[in-house]
Amino acid sequence: MIELARELLSDMVRVRRMEEKCAELYGAAKIRGFLHLYVGQEAVAAGSLRALTDDDAVVATYREHAHALLRGIPMTSIMAEMFGKREGCSRGRGGSMHLFDASRRFYGGHAIVAGGLPLAVGLALADAMLTRNRVTACYFGDGAVAEGAFHESLNMAALWNLPVLFCCENNLYAMGTALQRAQSQTDLTVKAASYRVPTLAVDGMDVQACHSAARQGADHVRDTGGPFFIEFRTYRFRAHSMFDPELYRDKAEVEQWRQRDPIRLFTERCLRDGALTDDDVRAIEDSAAAEIEAAVAFAEAGTWEDVTDLERDVLTPELAQ
């Protein structure tokens, strides 16, 4: 348990510090385009991804930096992709919203809301047809639950008994729309249960609770071959994206949620229980700082794609025929 505590805290700190650095780099115009930060939600990715194996697949949304990093994509590769450099995990062509690494079974990074759900079902269908005992973990936000792709995907997964772990990161706001203003049923487990999918709701600010829930869900998927739905009830501390003026929620609400910072609460718990020492915590922070420094240096030294490669991997209508 002590080793797991160290790993969970390290995962959350690495994500938080990387995201904070990305915000700083965005302000310096080193990172361009859209940038959706994961600050506040670290317990979900840290807890749940440690319940998966290397053979399992992961599909994420546009707020996927944490999932990519904790899935094993090097921070150097992620940062280079943010910079748009050729050394990035998507050769600089995807940027913040389209991180991808098939070698680690990390299949996006999807900018379209709910766009990853049908892909996850397809990956799970392939595993089922080839009798491979794998889990496909699909991450999406509460806004995706209002999309048709959500309902089609859960229906098909349940109908065909497909091995998908549906991970809903409910941070209460779909872009700038509060959940209760957009959906009549705000208990999202009810919607999943309507398709006869087993469900679980968990405190998304508690990394140990997230880990336990994900273990339970992944074990169910492996044992039955069928889907499982987890609603991680969490909150993002920063705006939807770096372009968001954040006029749709009160600062007092954000500050109230900040009192439940998953990193601070877990650190205090570990120190109180004796699972970690002050020296352990300092070592974790120092390691994250060194990793970030190396990642930024790698991205800065990266190369831009040559203009002659502009049409590389672009399928023309003639070739499509």
C-alpha atoms as a PDB file:
ATOM      1  CA  MET A   1       0.000   0.000   0.000  1.00  0.00           C
ATOM      2  CA  ILE A   2       2.889   2.365   0.716  1.00  0.00           C
ATOM      3  CA  GLU A   3       4.276   1.883  -2.785  1.00  0.00           C
ATOM      4  CA  LEU A   4       0.829   2.425  -4.310  1.00  0.00           C
ATOM      5  CA  ALA A   5       0.403   5.629  -2.295  1.00  0.00           C
ATOM      6  CA  ARG A   6       3.725   6.920  -3.591  1.00  0.00           C
ATOM      7  CA  GLU A   7       2.752   6.054  -7.173  1.00  0.00           C
ATOM      8  CA  LEU A   8      -0.667   7.693  -6.927  1.00  0.00           C
ATOM      9  CA  LEU A   9       0.703  10.901  -5.452  1.00  0.00           C
ATOM     10  CA  SER A  10       3.534  10.989  -7.972  1.00  0.00           C
ATOM     11  CA  ASP A  11       1.067  10.551 -10.834  1.00  0.00           C
ATOM     12  CA  MET A  12      -1.111  13.410  -9.639  1.00  0.00           C
ATOM     13  CA  VAL A  13       1.825  15.746  -9.014  1.00  0.00           C
ATOM     14  CA  ARG A  14       3.358  15.023 -12.422  1.00  0.00           C
ATOM     15  CA  VAL A  15       0.052  15.850 -14.106  1.00  0.00           C
ATOM     16  CA  ARG A  16      -0.605  19.003 -12.057  1.00  0.00           C
ATOM     17  CA  ARG A  17       2.874  20.449 -12.553  1.00  0.00           C
ATOM     18  CA  MET A  18       2.869  19.620 -16.276  1.00  0.00           C
ATOM     19  CA  GLU A  19      -0.496  21.329 -16.735  1.00  0.00           C
ATOM     20  CA  GLU A  20       0.639  24.399 -14.817  1.00  0.00           C
ATOM     21  CA  LYS A  21       3.733  24.591 -17.021  1.00  0.00           C
ATOM     22  CA  CYS A  22       1.573  24.264 -20.130  1.00  0.00           C
ATOM     23  CA  ALA A  23      -0.520  27.229 -18.985  1.00  0.00           C
ATOM     24  CA  GLU A  24       2.676  29.242 -18.515  1.00  0.00           C
ATOM     25  CA  LEU A  25       3.973  28.226 -21.946  1.00  0.00           C
ATOM     26  CA  TYR A  26       0.644  29.100 -23.529  1.00  0.00           C
ATOM     27  CA  GLY A  27       0.916  32.589 -22.073  1.00  0.00           C
ATOM     28  CA  ALA A  28       4.370  32.830 -23.634  1.00  0.00           C
ATOM     29  CA  ALA A  29       2.925  31.760 -27.026  1.00  0.00           C
ATOM     30  CA  LYS A  30       5.056  28.599 -27.061  1.00  0.00           C
ATOM     31  CA  ILE A  31       1.889  26.490 -27.176  1.00  0.00           C
ATOM     32  CA  ARG A  32      -0.809  27.647 -29.592  1.00  0.00           C
ATOM     33  CA  GLY A  33      -4.323  26.639 -30.540  1.00  0.00           C
ATOM     34  CA  PHE A  34      -6.753  25.213 -27.998  1.00  0.00           C
ATOM     35  CA  LEU A  35      -5.543  24.047 -24.596  1.00  0.00           C
ATOM     36  CA  HIS A  36      -7.810  22.278 -22.105  1.00  0.00           C
ATOM     37  CA  LEU A  37      -6.218  21.731 -18.713  1.00  0.00           C
ATOM     38  CA  TYR A  38      -6.903  18.917 -16.256  1.00  0.00           C
ATOM     39  CA  VAL A  39      -6.133  20.806 -13.040  1.00  0.00           C
ATOM     40  CA  GLY A  40      -8.429  19.542 -10.280  1.00  0.00           C
ATOM     41  CA  GLN A  41      -9.322  16.233 -11.913  1.00  0.00           C
ATOM     42  CA  GLU A  42      -5.995  14.470 -11.349  1.00  0.00           C
ATOM     43  CA  ALA A  43      -7.418  11.845  -8.987  1.00  0.00           C
ATOM     44  CA  VAL A  44      -9.537  10.345 -11.765  1.00  0.00           C
ATOM     45  CA  ALA A  45      -6.745   9.635 -14.236  1.00  0.00           C
ATOM     46  CA  ALA A  46      -4.215   8.684 -11.552  1.00  0.00           C
ATOM     47  CA  GLY A  47      -6.540   6.321  -9.748  1.00  0.00           C
ATOM     48  CA  SER A  48      -8.232   4.689 -12.714  1.00  0.00           C
ATOM     49  CA  LEU A  49      -5.305   4.194 -15.072  1.00  0.00           C
ATOM     50  CA  ARG A  50      -3.404   2.196 -12.455  1.00  0.00           C
ATOM     51  CA  ALA A  51      -6.257  -0.325 -12.575  1.00  0.00           C
ATOM     52  CA  LEU A  52      -5.449  -1.154 -16.215  1.00  0.00           C
ATOM     53  CA  THR A  53      -2.834  -3.389 -17.797  1.00  0.00           C
ATOM     54  CA  ASP A  54      -0.494  -2.620 -20.686  1.00  0.00           C
ATOM     55  CA  ASP A  55      -2.682  -4.745 -22.976  1.00  0.00           C
ATOM     56  CA  ASP A  56      -5.771  -2.666 -22.277  1.00  0.00           C
ATOM     57  CA  ALA A  57      -6.701   0.236 -24.544  1.00  0.00           C
ATOM     58  CA  VAL A  58      -7.376   3.851 -23.569  1.00  0.00           C
ATOM     59  CA  VAL A  59      -9.518   6.338 -25.485  1.00  0.00           C
ATOM     60  CA  ALA A  60      -9.772   9.910 -24.211  1.00  0.00           C
ATOM     61  CA  THR A  61     -11.183  13.351 -24.966  1.00  0.00           C
ATOM     62  CA  TYR A  62      -9.544  16.663 -25.841  1.00  0.00           C
ATOM     63  CA  ARG A  63      -8.680  17.085 -22.115  1.00  0.00           C
ATOM     64  CA  GLU A  64      -6.320  14.117 -22.363  1.00  0.00           C
ATOM     65  CA  HIS A  65      -2.832  15.235 -21.327  1.00  0.00           C
ATOM     66  CA  ALA A  66      -3.097  13.382 -18.009  1.00  0.00           C
ATOM     67  CA  HIS A  67      -4.312  10.168 -19.592  1.00  0.00           C
ATOM     68  CA  ALA A  68      -1.527  10.239 -22.176  1.00  0.00           C
ATOM     69  CA  LEU A  69       1.173  10.902 -19.598  1.00  0.00           C
ATOM     70  CA  LEU A  70      -0.011   8.287 -17.128  1.00  0.00           C
ATOM     71  CA  ARG A  71      -0.503   5.768 -19.908  1.00  0.00           C
ATOM     72  CA  GLY A  72       3.239   5.957 -20.445  1.00  0.00           C
ATOM     73  CA  ILE A  73       3.752   8.450 -23.264  1.00  0.00           C
ATOM     74  CA  PRO A  74       6.959  10.303 -22.306  1.00  0.00           C
ATOM     75  CA  MET A  75       6.466  13.887 -21.197  1.00  0.00           C
ATOM     76  CA  THR A  76       9.122  14.882 -23.739  1.00  0.00           C
ATOM     77  CA  SER A  77       6.954  13.494 -26.549  1.00  0.00           C
ATOM     78  CA  ILE A  78       3.818  15.145 -25.176  1.00  0.00           C
ATOM     79  CA  MET A  79       5.474  18.533 -24.760  1.00  0.00           C
ATOM     80  CA  ALA A  80       6.972  18.400 -28.254  1.00  0.00           C
ATOM     81  CA  GLU A  81       3.504  17.688 -29.595  1.00  0.00           C
ATOM     82  CA  MET A  82       2.141  20.691 -27.703  1.00  0.00           C
ATOM     83  CA  PHE A  83       4.818  22.809 -29.359  1.00  0.00           C
ATOM     84  CA  GLY A  84       3.884  21.394 -32.765  1.00  0.00           C
ATOM     85  CA  LYS A  85       7.307  19.828 -33.228  1.00  0.00           C
ATOM     86  CA  ARG A  86       8.081  16.789 -35.371  1.00  0.00           C
ATOM     87  CA  GLU A  87       9.359  14.857 -32.331  1.00  0.00           C
ATOM     88  CA  GLY A  88       5.881  14.924 -30.796  1.00  0.00           C
ATOM     89  CA  CYS A  89       3.813  11.762 -30.379  1.00  0.00           C
ATOM     90  CA  SER A  90       1.662  12.804 -33.366  1.00  0.00           C
ATOM     91  CA  ARG A  91       4.582  14.345 -35.286  1.00  0.00           C
ATOM     92  CA  GLY A  92       3.389  17.803 -34.261  1.00  0.00           C
ATOM     93  CA  ARG A  93       0.248  17.470 -36.347  1.00  0.00           C
ATOM     94  CA  GLY A  94      -2.208  16.813 -33.537  1.00  0.00           C
ATOM     95  CA  GLY A  95      -1.292  19.287 -30.856  1.00  0.00           C
ATOM     96  CA  SER A  96      -2.918  19.417 -27.446  1.00  0.00           C
ATOM     97  CA  MET A  97      -6.202  17.733 -28.400  1.00  0.00           C
ATOM     98  CA  HIS A  98      -4.853  14.868 -30.503  1.00  0.00           C
ATOM     99  CA  LEU A  99      -2.194  13.019 -28.535  1.00  0.00           C
ATOM    100  CA  PHE A 100      -1.855   9.454 -29.847  1.00  0.00           C
ATOM    101  CA  ASP A 101       0.430   6.467 -29.391  1.00  0.00           C
ATOM    102  CA  ALA A 102      -0.696   3.120 -30.780  1.00  0.00           C
ATOM    103  CA  SER A 103       2.360   1.364 -29.321  1.00  0.00           C
ATOM    104  CA  ARG A 104       0.958   2.090 -25.856  1.00  0.00           C
ATOM    105  CA  ARG A 105      -2.623   1.420 -26.968  1.00  0.00           C
ATOM    106  CA  PHE A 106      -3.513   5.062 -26.402  1.00  0.00           C
ATOM    107  CA  TYR A 107      -5.988   5.954 -29.139  1.00  0.00           C
ATOM    108  CA  GLY A 108      -6.562   9.693 -28.734  1.00  0.00           C
ATOM    109  CA  GLY A 109      -7.174  12.602 -27.992  1.00  0.00           C
ATOM    110  CA  HIS A 110     -10.555  13.390 -29.676  1.00  0.00           C
ATOM    111  CA  ALA A 111     -11.735  16.950 -30.226  1.00  0.00           C
ATOM    112  CA  ILE A 112     -15.338  15.974 -31.019  1.00  0.00           C
ATOM    113  CA  VAL A 113     -17.513  15.605 -27.925  1.00  0.00           C
ATOM    114  CA  ALA A 114     -18.390  11.888 -27.542  1.00  0.00           C
ATOM    115  CA  GLY A 115     -16.274  11.113 -30.604  1.00  0.00           C
ATOM    116  CA  GLY A 116     -14.206   8.535 -28.750  1.00  0.00           C
ATOM    117  CA  LEU A 117     -17.109   6.376 -27.597  1.00  0.00           C
ATOM    118  CA  PRO A 118     -17.844   4.620 -30.914  1.00  0.00           C
ATOM    119  CA  LEU A 119     -14.108   4.031 -31.391  1.00  0.00           C
ATOM    120  CA  ALA A 120     -13.896   2.424 -27.956  1.00  0.00           C
ATOM    121  CA  VAL A 121     -16.787   0.136 -28.814  1.00  0.00           C
ATOM    122  CA  GLY A 122     -15.035  -0.827 -32.048  1.00  0.00           C
ATOM    123  CA  LEU A 123     -11.793  -1.644 -30.245  1.00  0.00           C
ATOM    124  CA  ALA A 124     -13.718  -3.731 -27.725  1.00  0.00           C
ATOM    125  CA  LEU A 125     -15.589  -5.515 -30.513  1.00  0.00           C
ATOM    126  CA  ALA A 126     -12.278  -6.477 -32.115  1.00  0.00           C
ATOM    127  CA  ASP A 127     -11.016  -7.865 -28.799  1.00  0.00           C
ATOM    128  CA  ALA A 128     -14.245  -9.801 -28.265  1.00  0.00           C
ATOM    129  CA  MET A 129     -14.160 -11.301 -31.763  1.00  0.00           C
ATOM    130  CA  LEU A 130     -10.531 -12.347 -31.297  1.00  0.00           C
ATOM    131  CA  THR A 131     -11.255 -13.650 -27.768  1.00  0.00           C
ATOM    132  CA  ARG A 132      -8.633 -11.386 -26.205  1.00  0.00           C
ATOM    133  CA  ASN A 133      -9.239 -10.710 -22.510  1.00  0.00           C
ATOM    134  CA  ARG A 134      -8.701  -6.958 -22.687  1.00  0.00           C
ATOM    135  CA  VAL A 135     -10.438  -3.857 -21.413  1.00  0.00           C
ATOM    136  CA  THR A 136     -10.995  -0.683 -23.420  1.00  0.00           C
ATOM    137  CA  ALA A 137     -11.254   2.269 -21.037  1.00  0.00           C
ATOM    138  CA  CYS A 138     -13.130   5.176 -22.593  1.00  0.00           C
ATOM    139  CA  TYR A 139     -12.955   8.591 -20.911  1.00  0.00           C
ATOM    140  CA  PHE A 140     -15.506  11.320 -21.623  1.00  0.00           C
ATOM    141  CA  GLY A 141     -17.194  14.233 -19.870  1.00  0.00           C
ATOM    142  CA  ASP A 142     -20.734  14.852 -18.707  1.00  0.00           C
ATOM    143  CA  GLY A 143     -21.415  16.795 -21.891  1.00  0.00           C
ATOM    144  CA  ALA A 144     -20.888  13.644 -23.953  1.00  0.00           C
ATOM    145  CA  VAL A 145     -23.790  11.966 -22.159  1.00  0.00           C
ATOM    146  CA  ALA A 146     -26.154  14.313 -24.003  1.00  0.00           C
ATOM    147  CA  GLU A 147     -24.847  13.186 -27.393  1.00  0.00           C
ATOM    148  CA  GLY A 148     -26.383  10.459 -29.510  1.00  0.00           C
ATOM    149  CA  ALA A 149     -23.060   8.636 -29.753  1.00  0.00           C
ATOM    150  CA  PHE A 150     -23.182   7.992 -26.005  1.00  0.00           C
ATOM    151  CA  HIS A 151     -26.534   6.228 -26.202  1.00  0.00           C
ATOM    152  CA  GLU A 152     -25.665   4.291 -29.336  1.00  0.00           C
ATOM    153  CA  SER A 153     -22.350   3.169 -27.846  1.00  0.00           C
ATOM    154  CA  LEU A 154     -23.764   2.014 -24.509  1.00  0.00           C
ATOM    155  CA  ASN A 155     -26.630   0.252 -26.241  1.00  0.00           C
ATOM    156  CA  MET A 156     -24.301  -1.644 -28.576  1.00  0.00           C
ATOM    157  CA  ALA A 157     -21.817  -2.484 -25.818  1.00  0.00           C
ATOM    158  CA  ALA A 158     -24.623  -3.911 -23.686  1.00  0.00           C
ATOM    159  CA  LEU A 159     -26.362  -5.659 -26.573  1.00  0.00           C
ATOM    160  CA  TRP A 160     -23.172  -7.381 -27.748  1.00  0.00           C
ATOM    161  CA  ASN A 161     -21.629  -7.735 -24.285  1.00  0.00           C
ATOM    162  CA  LEU A 162     -18.466  -5.822 -25.199  1.00  0.00           C
ATOM    163  CA  PRO A 163     -15.521  -5.235 -22.814  1.00  0.00           C
ATOM    164  CA  VAL A 164     -15.713  -1.446 -22.396  1.00  0.00           C
ATOM    165  CA  LEU A 165     -15.062   0.425 -19.172  1.00  0.00           C
ATOM    166  CA  PHE A 166     -17.000   3.665 -19.637  1.00  0.00           C
ATOM    167  CA  CYS A 167     -15.353   6.376 -17.498  1.00  0.00           C
ATOM    168  CA  CYS A 168     -17.462   9.524 -17.250  1.00  0.00           C
ATOM    169  CA  GLU A 169     -15.528  12.450 -15.769  1.00  0.00           C
ATOM    170  CA  ASN A 170     -18.443  14.542 -14.563  1.00  0.00           C
ATOM    171  CA  ASN A 171     -16.996  17.961 -13.718  1.00  0.00           C
ATOM    172  CA  LEU A 172     -20.485  19.535 -13.724  1.00  0.00           C
ATOM    173  CA  TYR A 173     -19.912  21.780 -16.745  1.00  0.00           C
ATOM    174  CA  ALA A 174     -20.079  20.821 -20.403  1.00  0.00           C
ATOM    175  CA  MET A 175     -17.899  23.631 -21.700  1.00  0.00           C
ATOM    176  CA  GLY A 176     -19.853  26.525 -20.155  1.00  0.00           C
ATOM    177  CA  THR A 177     -23.204  24.878 -19.486  1.00  0.00           C
ATOM    178  CA  ALA A 178     -24.039  23.589 -16.007  1.00  0.00           C
ATOM    179  CA  LEU A 179     -25.238  19.989 -15.928  1.00  0.00           C
ATOM    180  CA  GLN A 180     -28.624  20.827 -14.408  1.00  0.00           C
ATOM    181  CA  ARG A 181     -29.294  23.393 -17.138  1.00  0.00           C
ATOM    182  CA  ALA A 182     -28.741  20.894 -19.943  1.00  0.00           C
ATOM    183  CA  GLN A 183     -29.891  17.485 -18.673  1.00  0.00           C
ATOM    184  CA  SER A 184     -33.105  16.647 -16.837  1.00  0.00           C
ATOM    185  CA  GLN A 185     -31.516  13.588 -15.204  1.00  0.00           C
ATOM    186  CA  THR A 186     -28.325  14.656 -13.480  1.00  0.00           C
ATOM    187  CA  ASP A 187     -27.542  11.239 -11.993  1.00  0.00           C
ATOM    188  CA  LEU A 188     -25.619   9.939 -14.993  1.00  0.00           C
ATOM    189  CA  THR A 189     -25.508   6.388 -13.681  1.00  0.00           C
ATOM    190  CA  VAL A 190     -29.266   6.226 -14.261  1.00  0.00           C
ATOM    191  CA  LYS A 191     -28.771   6.825 -17.972  1.00  0.00           C
ATOM    192  CA  ALA A 192     -26.185   4.068 -18.232  1.00  0.00           C
ATOM    193  CA  ALA A 193     -28.304   1.703 -16.167  1.00  0.00           C
ATOM    194  CA  SER A 194     -31.184   2.202 -18.616  1.00  0.00           C
ATOM    195  CA  TYR A 195     -29.108   0.151 -21.068  1.00  0.00           C
ATOM    196  CA  ARG A 196     -28.631  -2.563 -18.429  1.00  0.00           C
ATOM    197  CA  VAL A 197     -25.011  -1.602 -17.931  1.00  0.00           C
ATOM    198  CA  PRO A 198     -23.730  -2.058 -14.350  1.00  0.00           C
ATOM    199  CA  THR A 199     -22.826   1.295 -12.824  1.00  0.00           C
ATOM    200  CA  LEU A 200     -20.937   2.921  -9.995  1.00  0.00           C
ATOM    201  CA  ALA A 201     -20.653   6.536  -8.824  1.00  0.00           C
ATOM    202  CA  VAL A 202     -17.518   7.618  -6.980  1.00  0.00           C
ATOM    203  CA  ASP A 203     -15.941  10.708  -5.431  1.00  0.00           C
ATOM    204  CA  GLY A 204     -13.654  11.893  -8.221  1.00  0.00           C
ATOM    205  CA  MET A 205     -11.605  14.013  -5.810  1.00  0.00           C
ATOM    206  CA  ASP A 206     -10.440  10.945  -3.853  1.00  0.00           C
ATOM    207  CA  VAL A 207      -7.675   9.113  -5.713  1.00  0.00           C
ATOM    208  CA  GLN A 208      -7.986   5.948  -3.629  1.00  0.00           C
ATOM    209  CA  ALA A 209     -11.732   5.810  -4.221  1.00  0.00           C
ATOM    210  CA  CYS A 210     -11.136   6.298  -7.952  1.00  0.00           C
ATOM    211  CA  HIS A 211      -8.591   3.483  -7.969  1.00  0.00           C
ATOM    212  CA  SER A 212     -10.905   1.119  -6.089  1.00  0.00           C
ATOM    213  CA  ALA A 213     -13.843   1.896  -8.386  1.00  0.00           C
ATOM    214  CA  ALA A 214     -11.756   1.399 -11.514  1.00  0.00           C
ATOM    215  CA  ARG A 215     -10.429  -1.909 -10.187  1.00  0.00           C
ATOM    216  CA  GLN A 216     -13.980  -3.044  -9.541  1.00  0.00           C
ATOM    217  CA  GLY A 217     -15.109  -1.949 -12.986  1.00  0.00           C
ATOM    218  CA  ALA A 218     -12.137  -3.442 -14.830  1.00  0.00           C
ATOM    219  CA  ASP A 219     -12.486  -6.734 -12.936  1.00  0.00           C
ATOM    220  CA  HIS A 220     -16.148  -6.887 -13.913  1.00  0.00           C
ATOM    221  CA  VAL A 221     -15.322  -6.298 -17.564  1.00  0.00           C
ATOM    222  CA  ARG A 222     -12.650  -9.016 -17.543  1.00  0.00           C
ATOM    223  CA  ASP A 223     -14.827 -11.524 -15.679  1.00  0.00           C
ATOM    224  CA  THR A 224     -18.008 -11.039 -17.709  1.00  0.00           C
ATOM    225  CA  GLY A 225     -16.728  -9.692 -21.021  1.00  0.00           C
ATOM    226  CA  GLY A 226     -19.384  -6.997 -20.816  1.00  0.00           C
ATOM    227  CA  PRO A 227     -19.399  -3.227 -20.159  1.00  0.00           C
ATOM    228  CA  PHE A 228     -19.271  -1.244 -16.924  1.00  0.00           C
ATOM    229  CA  PHE A 229     -19.974   2.454 -16.329  1.00  0.00           C
ATOM    230  CA  ILE A 230     -18.307   4.661 -13.691  1.00  0.00           C
ATOM    231  CA  GLU A 231     -19.324   8.233 -12.981  1.00  0.00           C
ATOM    232  CA  PHE A 232     -16.339  10.044 -11.458  1.00  0.00           C
ATOM    233  CA  ARG A 233     -17.820  13.103  -9.753  1.00  0.00           C
ATOM    234  CA  THR A 234     -15.044  15.647 -10.027  1.00  0.00           C
ATOM    235  CA  TYR A 235     -14.370  19.314 -10.780  1.00  0.00           C
ATOM    236  CA  ARG A 236     -11.947  21.322 -12.883  1.00  0.00           C
ATOM    237  CA  PHE A 237     -10.342  24.261 -11.127  1.00  0.00           C
ATOM    238  CA  ARG A 238      -9.457  26.167 -14.282  1.00  0.00           C
ATOM    239  CA  ALA A 239     -11.587  27.403 -17.156  1.00  0.00           C
ATOM    240  CA  HIS A 240     -12.815  25.046 -19.864  1.00  0.00           C
ATOM    241  CA  SER A 241      -9.961  26.151 -22.119  1.00  0.00           C
ATOM    242  CA  MET A 242      -7.425  28.942 -22.246  1.00  0.00           C
ATOM    243  CA  PHE A 243      -9.891  30.934 -24.399  1.00  0.00           C
ATOM    244  CA  ASP A 244     -12.721  30.624 -21.868  1.00  0.00           C
ATOM    245  CA  PRO A 245     -13.620  33.854 -19.964  1.00  0.00           C
ATOM    246  CA  GLU A 246     -15.394  31.620 -17.382  1.00  0.00           C
ATOM    247  CA  LEU A 247     -18.501  33.758 -16.891  1.00  0.00           C
ATOM    248  CA  TYR A 248     -20.826  30.837 -16.150  1.00  0.00           C
ATOM    249  CA  ARG A 249     -19.799  29.953 -12.577  1.00  0.00           C
ATOM    250  CA  ASP A 250     -19.096  31.865  -9.393  1.00  0.00           C
ATOM    251  CA  LYS A 251     -15.577  32.245  -8.091  1.00  0.00           C
ATOM    252  CA  ALA A 252     -16.879  31.220  -4.672  1.00  0.00           C
ATOM    253  CA  GLU A 253     -17.959  27.872  -6.094  1.00  0.00           C
ATOM    254  CA  VAL A 254     -14.531  27.250  -7.577  1.00  0.00           C
ATOM    255  CA  GLU A 255     -12.871  28.202  -4.310  1.00  0.00           C
ATOM    256  CA  GLN A 256     -15.155  25.867  -2.411  1.00  0.00           C
ATOM    257  CA  TRP A 257     -14.119  22.967  -4.631  1.00  0.00           C
ATOM    258  CA  ARG A 258     -10.466  23.939  -4.292  1.00  0.00           C
ATOM    259  CA  GLN A 259     -10.785  23.069  -0.622  1.00  0.00           C
ATOM    260  CA  ARG A 260     -11.115  19.479  -1.837  1.00  0.00           C
ATOM    261  CA  ASP A 261      -7.910  19.563  -3.891  1.00  0.00           C
ATOM    262  CA  PRO A 262      -7.145  15.850  -4.470  1.00  0.00           C
ATOM    263  CA  ILE A 263      -3.380  16.323  -4.227  1.00  0.00           C
ATOM    264  CA  ARG A 264      -3.454  18.259  -0.976  1.00  0.00           C
ATOM    265  CA  LEU A 265      -5.994  15.959   0.676  1.00  0.00           C
ATOM    266  CA  PHE A 266      -4.166  12.775  -0.347  1.00  0.00           C
ATOM    267  CA  THR A 267      -0.808  14.193   0.717  1.00  0.00           C
ATOM    268  CA  GLU A 268      -2.196  15.093   4.134  1.00  0.00           C
ATOM    269  CA  ARG A 269      -3.746  11.640   4.488  1.00  0.00           C
ATOM    270  CA  CYS A 270      -0.510   9.872   3.569  1.00  0.00           C
ATOM    271  CA  LEU A 271       1.520  11.971   5.997  1.00  0.00           C
ATOM    272  CA  ARG A 272      -1.018  11.442   8.763  1.00  0.00           C
ATOM    273  CA  ASP A 273      -1.162   7.674   8.198  1.00  0.00           C
ATOM    274  CA  GLY A 274       2.599   7.328   7.873  1.00  0.00           C
ATOM    275  CA  ALA A 275       2.414   6.035   4.306  1.00  0.00           C
ATOM    276  CA  LEU A 276       4.725   8.855   3.183  1.00  0.00           C
ATOM    277  CA  THR A 277       7.165  11.259   4.839  1.00  0.00           C
ATOM    278  CA  ASP A 278       7.904  14.904   4.151  1.00  0.00           C
ATOM    279  CA  ASP A 279      11.077  13.747   2.406  1.00  0.00           C
ATOM    280  CA  ASP A 280       9.023  11.465   0.148  1.00  0.00           C
ATOM    281  CA  VAL A 281       6.766  14.343  -0.844  1.00  0.00           C
ATOM    282  CA  ARG A 282       9.733  16.622  -1.568  1.00  0.00           C
ATOM    283  CA  ALA A 283      11.348  13.904  -3.678  1.00  0.00           C
ATOM    284  CA  ILE A 284       8.153  13.515  -5.710  1.00  0.00           C
ATOM    285  CA  GLU A 285       7.977  17.264  -6.340  1.00  0.00           C
ATOM    286  CA  ASP A 286      11.677  17.461  -7.246  1.00  0.00           C
ATOM    287  CA  SER A 287      11.351  14.550  -9.662  1.00  0.00           C
ATOM    288  CA  ALA A 288       8.349  16.154 -11.375  1.00  0.00           C
ATOM    289  CA  ALA A 289      10.177  19.482 -11.680  1.00  0.00           C
ATOM    290  CA  ALA A 290      13.202  17.810 -13.275  1.00  0.00           C
ATOM    291  CA  GLU A 291      10.996  15.862 -15.678  1.00  0.00           C
ATOM    292  CA  ILE A 292       9.195  19.017 -16.763  1.00  0.00           C
ATOM    293  CA  GLU A 293      12.430  20.926 -17.252  1.00  0.00           C
ATOM    294  CA  ALA A 294      13.768  18.145 -19.480  1.00  0.00           C
ATOM    295  CA  ALA A 295      10.497  17.970 -21.437  1.00  0.00           C
ATOM    296  CA  VAL A 296      10.456  21.697 -22.163  1.00  0.00           C
ATOM    297  CA  ALA A 297      14.104  21.626 -23.227  1.00  0.00           C
ATOM    298  CA  PHE A 298      13.353  18.698 -25.530  1.00  0.00           C
ATOM    299  CA  ALA A 299      10.418  20.526 -27.102  1.00  0.00           C
ATOM    300  CA  GLU A 300      12.399  23.740 -27.507  1.00  0.00           C
ATOM    301  CA  ALA A 301      15.170  21.847 -29.299  1.00  0.00           C
ATOM    302  CA  GLY A 302      12.708  20.004 -31.528  1.00  0.00           C
ATOM    303  CA  THR A 303      12.370  20.539 -35.255  1.00  0.00           C
ATOM    304  CA  TRP A 304       9.532  21.903 -37.319  1.00  0.00           C
ATOM    305  CA  GLU A 305       8.169  19.638 -40.023  1.00  0.00           C
ATOM    306  CA  ASP A 306       9.574  20.460 -43.428  1.00  0.00           C
ATOM    307  CA  VAL A 307       7.160  22.123 -45.824  1.00  0.00           C
ATOM    308  CA  THR A 308       7.817  19.340 -48.329  1.00  0.00           C
ATOM    309  CA  ASP A 309       6.012  16.969 -45.928  1.00  0.00           C
ATOM    310  CA  LEU A 310       2.843  19.057 -46.046  1.00  0.00           C
ATOM    311  CA  GLU A 311       0.916  16.405 -47.976  1.00  0.00           C
ATOM    312  CA  ARG A 312       2.358  13.460 -46.074  1.00  0.00           C
ATOM    313  CA  ASP A 313      -0.350  11.096 -44.753  1.00  0.00           C
ATOM    314  CA  VAL A 314      -3.056  13.143 -46.465  1.00  0.00           C
ATOM    315  CA  LEU A 315      -5.423  10.941 -48.446  1.00  0.00           C
ATOM    316  CA  THR A 316      -6.560  12.531 -51.698  1.00  0.00           C
ATOM    317  CA  PRO A 317      -9.973  11.764 -53.268  1.00  0.00           C
ATOM    318  CA  GLU A 318      -8.210   9.956 -56.109  1.00  0.00           C
ATOM    319  CA  LEU A 319      -6.392   7.632 -53.725  1.00  0.00           C
ATOM    320  CA  ALA A 320      -9.556   7.109 -51.683  1.00  0.00           C
ATOM    321  CA  GLN A 321     -11.188   5.590 -54.759  1.00  0.00           C
END
